[in-house]
Protein backbone atom coordinates (compact mmCIF):
# COMPACT_ATOMS: atom_id res chain seq x y z
CA MET A 1 71.15 -121.46 72.94
CA ALA A 2 71.78 -118.48 75.26
CA ILE A 3 69.49 -115.59 75.82
CA LYS A 4 70.82 -112.31 76.28
CA LEU A 5 68.99 -109.71 78.40
CA ASP A 6 69.26 -105.97 78.16
CA PRO A 7 70.29 -104.20 81.05
CA PRO A 8 66.96 -102.59 82.10
CA LEU A 9 65.24 -105.82 81.85
CA ILE A 10 67.79 -107.10 84.12
CA THR A 11 67.15 -104.22 86.85
CA SER A 12 63.60 -105.32 86.27
CA LEU A 13 63.90 -108.79 87.07
CA GLY A 14 66.19 -107.95 89.94
CA LEU A 15 63.57 -105.69 91.57
CA HIS A 16 60.86 -108.27 91.00
CA LEU A 17 63.09 -110.65 92.99
CA VAL A 18 63.58 -108.41 95.74
CA CYS A 19 59.98 -107.65 96.22
CA ILE A 20 59.21 -111.24 96.47
CA ILE A 21 61.83 -111.93 98.91
CA LEU A 22 60.90 -108.91 101.29
CA LEU A 23 57.18 -109.79 101.11
CA ILE A 24 57.96 -113.58 102.36
CA TRP A 25 60.18 -112.68 105.15
CA GLY A 26 58.07 -109.57 106.12
CA ALA A 27 61.23 -107.46 106.13
CA ASP A 28 61.14 -104.33 108.40
CA PHE A 29 61.29 -101.39 105.30
CA SER A 30 61.96 -98.86 108.01
CA SER A 31 65.54 -100.43 108.68
CA LYS A 32 68.43 -99.04 106.70
CA PRO A 33 68.46 -100.07 103.16
CA GLU A 34 70.72 -102.74 102.26
CA ILE A 35 72.22 -103.72 99.11
CA VAL A 36 71.45 -107.11 97.64
CA ASN A 37 73.31 -108.48 94.94
CA VAL A 38 71.41 -110.89 92.58
CA THR A 39 73.10 -112.93 89.89
CA LEU A 40 70.85 -114.29 86.77
CA GLN A 41 71.92 -117.13 84.61
CA SER A 42 69.95 -118.36 81.72
CA GLU A 43 71.20 -121.60 80.06
CA GLY A 44 74.51 -121.89 81.19
CA GLU A 45 75.56 -118.39 80.78
CA ALA A 46 76.18 -116.07 83.47
CA LEU A 47 74.88 -112.77 83.93
CA ALA A 48 76.52 -109.70 85.40
CA PRO A 49 75.28 -109.02 89.35
CA VAL A 50 72.23 -106.85 89.32
CA GLN A 51 72.46 -104.32 92.53
CA ALA A 52 69.14 -104.19 94.24
CA VAL A 53 68.26 -101.14 96.42
CA ALA A 54 65.70 -101.36 98.97
CA ILE A 55 62.78 -98.92 98.78
CA ASP A 56 59.76 -97.75 101.18
CA ALA A 57 56.34 -99.51 100.95
CA ASP A 58 54.56 -96.86 98.84
CA ALA A 59 57.28 -96.92 96.14
CA LEU A 60 56.96 -100.60 96.10
CA GLN A 61 53.16 -100.55 96.00
CA GLN A 62 53.55 -98.04 92.98
CA ARG A 63 56.07 -100.22 91.49
CA VAL A 64 54.06 -103.34 91.92
CA ALA A 65 50.73 -101.31 90.48
CA GLN A 66 52.92 -100.32 87.58
CA MET A 67 54.24 -104.07 86.97
CA GLN A 68 50.54 -105.23 87.23
CA THR A 69 49.54 -102.70 84.63
CA GLU A 70 52.64 -103.49 82.48
CA GLN A 71 51.55 -107.49 82.73
CA ALA A 72 47.88 -106.19 82.10
CA ASN A 73 48.83 -104.37 78.85
CA ALA A 74 51.36 -107.06 77.97
CA LYS A 75 48.83 -109.76 78.31
CA ALA A 76 46.11 -107.81 76.38
CA ALA A 77 48.65 -107.22 73.49
CA GLU A 78 49.35 -110.84 73.59
CA GLU A 79 45.78 -111.65 73.33
CA LYS A 80 45.33 -109.08 70.53
CA ARG A 81 48.11 -110.53 68.84
CA ILE A 82 46.73 -114.15 69.14
CA ARG A 83 43.40 -112.79 67.91
CA ASP A 84 45.31 -111.08 65.11
CA LEU A 85 46.73 -114.33 64.20
CA GLU A 86 43.71 -116.32 64.44
CA ARG A 87 41.81 -113.90 62.33
CA ARG A 88 44.79 -114.09 59.82
CA ALA A 89 44.34 -117.53 59.91
CA GLN A 90 40.63 -117.45 59.20
CA LEU A 91 41.36 -115.06 56.34
CA ALA A 92 44.12 -117.40 55.01
CA GLU A 93 41.84 -120.18 55.36
CA LYS A 94 38.77 -118.46 53.40
CA ASN A 95 41.26 -117.30 50.93
CA ARG A 96 42.43 -120.96 50.40
CA ALA A 97 38.98 -121.89 50.17
CA ASP A 98 37.85 -119.22 47.55
CA GLU A 99 40.98 -120.17 45.81
CA GLU A 100 40.01 -123.77 45.74
CA ALA A 101 36.65 -123.05 44.56
CA ARG A 102 37.98 -120.72 41.89
CA LEU A 103 39.98 -123.21 40.57
CA LYS A 104 37.26 -125.50 40.45
CA GLN A 105 35.23 -123.25 38.66
CA VAL A 106 38.22 -122.53 36.28
CA ALA A 107 38.34 -126.09 35.61
CA ALA A 108 34.75 -126.37 34.78
CA GLN A 109 35.01 -123.51 32.46
CA LYS A 110 37.79 -125.01 30.94
CA ARG A 111 36.03 -128.45 30.57
CA GLN A 112 33.11 -126.28 29.09
CA ALA A 113 35.56 -124.54 26.74
CA ASP A 114 37.14 -127.60 25.57
CA ALA A 115 33.84 -129.21 24.58
CA GLU A 116 32.59 -126.09 23.30
CA ALA A 117 35.90 -125.76 21.24
CA LYS A 118 35.76 -129.47 20.15
CA ALA A 119 32.14 -128.92 19.10
CA ALA A 120 33.25 -125.68 17.15
CA GLN A 121 35.98 -127.55 15.61
CA ALA A 122 33.56 -130.33 14.39
CA ALA A 123 31.22 -127.60 12.99
CA ALA A 124 34.10 -125.81 11.10
CA THR A 125 34.97 -129.26 9.74
CA ASP A 126 31.52 -129.70 8.45
CA ALA A 127 31.46 -126.08 7.47
CA LYS A 128 34.82 -126.19 5.67
CA LYS A 129 33.58 -129.58 3.81
CA GLN A 130 30.13 -127.87 2.65
CA GLN A 131 32.13 -124.81 1.66
CA GLN A 132 34.55 -127.17 -0.53
CA GLN A 133 31.40 -128.51 -2.20
CA GLU A 134 29.69 -125.11 -2.69
CA ALA A 135 33.12 -123.94 -4.07
CA GLU A 136 33.22 -126.83 -6.47
CA LYS A 137 29.65 -126.26 -7.80
CA ALA A 138 30.56 -122.67 -7.85
CA LYS A 139 33.56 -123.51 -9.91
CA GLN A 140 31.67 -125.77 -12.50
CA ALA A 141 29.07 -122.94 -12.71
CA GLU A 142 31.66 -120.39 -13.46
CA GLN A 143 33.53 -122.57 -16.08
CA ALA A 144 29.92 -122.93 -17.73
CA ARG A 145 29.23 -119.27 -17.57
CA ILE A 146 32.92 -118.52 -18.98
CA GLN A 147 32.03 -121.11 -21.86
CA LYS A 148 28.63 -119.52 -22.57
CA GLU A 149 30.29 -116.08 -22.47
CA GLN A 150 32.84 -117.20 -24.87
CA GLU A 151 30.48 -118.29 -27.07
CA ARG A 152 28.52 -115.44 -26.80
CA LYS A 153 31.65 -113.02 -27.46
CA LYS A 154 32.42 -115.30 -30.61
CA ALA A 155 28.71 -114.78 -31.97
CA GLU A 156 28.90 -111.00 -30.97
CA ALA A 157 32.31 -111.03 -33.12
CA ALA A 158 31.16 -112.56 -36.22
CA ALA A 159 27.86 -110.43 -36.13
CA LYS A 160 30.27 -107.24 -35.83
CA ALA A 161 32.58 -108.27 -38.56
CA ALA A 162 29.65 -109.08 -40.77
CA GLU A 163 28.19 -105.77 -39.98
CA GLU A 164 31.58 -103.98 -40.38
CA LYS A 165 32.10 -105.83 -44.03
CA ARG A 166 28.32 -104.56 -44.86
CA LYS A 167 28.96 -100.97 -43.55
CA GLN A 168 32.57 -101.09 -45.63
CA GLU A 169 30.86 -102.16 -48.96
CA GLN A 170 28.01 -99.58 -48.33
CA ALA A 171 30.51 -97.10 -47.92
CA ALA A 172 32.45 -97.90 -50.80
CA LEU A 173 29.40 -97.88 -52.89
CA GLU A 174 28.33 -94.58 -51.40
CA LYS A 175 31.93 -93.28 -52.22
CA GLN A 176 31.50 -94.40 -55.81
CA ARG A 177 28.14 -92.80 -55.97
CA GLN A 178 29.67 -89.51 -54.72
CA GLU A 179 32.52 -89.91 -56.93
CA ARG A 180 30.03 -90.21 -59.77
CA ALA A 181 28.01 -87.27 -58.84
CA ARG A 182 31.30 -85.40 -58.19
CA LYS A 183 32.41 -86.11 -61.85
CA GLU A 184 29.18 -85.39 -63.38
CA ALA A 185 28.69 -82.08 -61.30
CA GLU A 186 32.41 -81.15 -62.22
CA ALA A 187 31.94 -81.91 -65.81
CA LYS A 188 28.58 -80.06 -65.77
CA ARG A 189 30.40 -77.01 -64.29
CA GLN A 190 33.17 -77.31 -66.64
CA ALA A 191 30.67 -77.62 -69.38
CA GLU A 192 28.59 -74.39 -68.05
CA GLN A 193 31.95 -72.56 -67.37
CA GLU A 194 33.06 -73.22 -71.01
CA ARG A 195 29.54 -71.70 -71.99
CA LEU A 196 29.84 -69.08 -69.88
CA MET A 197 33.38 -68.15 -71.03
CA GLN A 198 32.23 -68.44 -74.54
CA GLU A 199 29.38 -65.97 -73.68
CA GLN A 200 31.74 -63.92 -71.98
CA LEU A 201 34.15 -63.71 -74.84
CA ALA A 202 31.49 -63.06 -77.05
CA LYS A 203 30.41 -60.20 -74.48
CA GLU A 204 34.10 -59.14 -74.39
CA ALA A 205 34.36 -58.97 -78.03
CA SER A 206 30.93 -57.06 -78.16
CA ALA A 207 32.27 -54.97 -75.20
CA ARG A 208 35.49 -54.61 -76.77
CA ALA A 209 33.68 -53.29 -79.91
CA ALA A 210 31.62 -51.17 -78.29
CA ALA A 211 34.48 -49.58 -76.28
CA ARG A 212 36.54 -48.97 -79.56
CA SER A 213 33.40 -47.39 -81.30
CA GLN A 214 32.22 -45.32 -78.28
CA GLN A 215 35.88 -44.80 -76.73
CA ALA A 216 33.85 -44.22 -73.36
CA ALA A 217 35.31 -46.61 -71.28
CA THR A 218 38.41 -46.08 -69.42
CA GLU A 219 41.19 -48.69 -68.45
CA VAL A 220 39.91 -48.87 -65.01
CA GLU A 221 36.35 -49.57 -65.91
CA ARG A 222 37.79 -51.89 -68.51
CA TYR A 223 39.46 -53.96 -65.86
CA LYS A 224 36.69 -53.87 -63.57
CA ALA A 225 34.19 -55.23 -66.54
CA LEU A 226 36.96 -58.04 -67.12
CA ILE A 227 36.86 -58.71 -63.27
CA MET A 228 33.22 -58.80 -63.36
CA ASN A 229 32.99 -61.16 -66.28
CA THR A 230 35.49 -63.56 -64.76
CA ILE A 231 33.38 -63.54 -61.37
CA ASN A 232 30.36 -64.37 -63.52
CA GLN A 233 31.99 -66.92 -65.45
CA ASN A 234 32.94 -68.90 -62.07
CA LEU A 235 29.76 -68.03 -60.38
CA TYR A 236 27.45 -70.94 -59.64
CA LYS A 237 23.88 -69.46 -60.13
CA ASP A 238 20.42 -70.75 -59.85
CA GLU A 239 16.93 -68.90 -60.38
CA SER A 240 16.79 -67.83 -57.04
CA MET A 241 19.48 -65.43 -57.54
CA ARG A 242 17.79 -63.53 -60.51
CA GLY A 243 17.54 -59.92 -60.01
CA LYS A 244 19.64 -59.96 -56.61
CA SER A 245 22.99 -58.77 -55.92
CA CYS A 246 26.03 -58.66 -53.36
CA LEU A 247 28.22 -55.93 -52.55
CA VAL A 248 31.87 -56.88 -52.03
CA ASN A 249 35.13 -55.67 -51.00
CA ILE A 250 38.17 -56.95 -53.08
CA LYS A 251 41.85 -56.27 -52.35
CA LEU A 252 44.47 -57.36 -55.23
CA ALA A 253 47.97 -57.73 -55.46
CA THR A 254 49.91 -56.04 -58.37
CA THR A 255 49.57 -59.61 -60.54
CA GLY A 256 45.61 -59.64 -59.90
CA PHE A 257 46.06 -62.16 -57.03
CA VAL A 258 43.07 -61.87 -54.52
CA THR A 259 44.42 -61.08 -51.29
CA SER A 260 41.02 -60.28 -49.40
CA THR A 261 37.30 -60.66 -49.99
CA LYS A 262 34.74 -58.90 -47.64
CA VAL A 263 30.92 -58.92 -47.92
CA LEU A 264 29.68 -55.50 -47.67
CA SER A 265 25.87 -56.11 -48.16
CA GLY A 266 23.49 -58.17 -50.50
CA ASP A 267 21.61 -61.39 -50.90
CA LYS A 268 23.14 -63.89 -48.70
CA ALA A 269 23.08 -66.76 -51.45
CA VAL A 270 24.44 -64.22 -54.09
CA CYS A 271 27.31 -63.27 -51.64
CA GLU A 272 28.11 -66.85 -50.74
CA ALA A 273 28.35 -67.92 -54.32
CA THR A 274 30.61 -64.73 -55.08
CA VAL A 275 32.96 -65.33 -52.23
CA ARG A 276 33.19 -69.16 -53.36
CA ALA A 277 33.89 -67.90 -56.82
CA LEU A 278 36.47 -65.65 -55.95
CA ASN A 279 38.31 -68.45 -54.05
CA ARG A 280 38.18 -70.65 -56.98
CA ILE A 281 39.32 -67.84 -59.17
CA ASN A 282 42.35 -66.75 -56.90
CA GLN A 283 43.61 -64.47 -59.57
CA LEU A 284 41.84 -61.72 -61.52
CA PRO A 285 42.39 -59.57 -64.48
CA MET A 286 44.91 -56.59 -63.75
CA SER A 287 46.53 -53.93 -65.87
CA SER A 288 50.31 -53.47 -65.92
CA ASP A 289 49.91 -49.53 -65.48
CA PRO A 290 50.76 -48.70 -62.15
CA GLU A 291 48.02 -45.64 -61.88
CA VAL A 292 45.36 -48.36 -62.97
CA TYR A 293 46.39 -50.74 -60.31
CA LYS A 294 46.36 -47.94 -57.71
CA GLN A 295 42.82 -47.46 -58.45
CA MET A 296 42.02 -51.13 -58.46
CA LYS A 297 43.88 -52.69 -55.75
CA ASP A 298 41.03 -51.83 -53.32
CA ILE A 299 37.55 -51.69 -55.10
CA ASN A 300 33.95 -52.56 -54.35
CA LEU A 301 32.32 -54.31 -57.02
CA ARG A 302 28.15 -55.19 -56.60
CA VAL A 303 28.00 -58.69 -58.29
CA GLU A 304 24.69 -59.58 -60.39
CA PRO A 305 24.49 -62.93 -61.61
CA GLN A 306 23.90 -62.84 -65.26
CA PHE A 307 21.60 -65.35 -66.69
């Protein structure tokens, strides 16, 4: 393989060669400089001739000192390069040893992990088996609980049905009792109303006779009296109302239809009985005379239960 040299390197080699020749031959440096042609050849390849110029002793010594310095620097650099290579080799060996130790540790950890995994798998298998057994027990217990719950619900349903039937029968009996009481009360009320109507008729007859005899009552007062009589006929009374009264305002239509009832004052029981009576009556006696209606369409009456 041919080695190619740069021109500066060729020049330096030529100068070295000239110095060596001059030192050996003891040449006279004071003589006229001669031009020496030096031909370098490396591995069969001819290099271009190098021209060397003879120089004086001081320049040569300076050059030799410079070359020695350069050689010392090159040697120091080479030694440094060798130390760096050795340090790198040591570091690489250390890294290799560390990596080998790490791989051994990883292998040991893997063996330990495999052993732990195997133990864990065995424990998991045992746990799964135990879990399945417990699940089977729980399933059987749940089935037993469900069966008991179904039996309890059936018993509760039967008890509820029996209680419901009892309540229905009791409600039917109570309804029959209330119906009998209502009919009895209705019959009593009708009988009382019939009696009151008979009395009222008698009173009206007496009143009419008195009116005819005295000719003192006006048409308005007559209808007021009729209205009072009608209210008293439909008024449910008891002894607690004796001597008590209620002042009410009544608004009437031309047909005697009660359009409004308002309690103004009086005993609470009498007032409530009066309002209920007016609601039942719904229509009171009313004169066809417009002048009478004009005075009676909005009237205040004091209702006093008649016993």
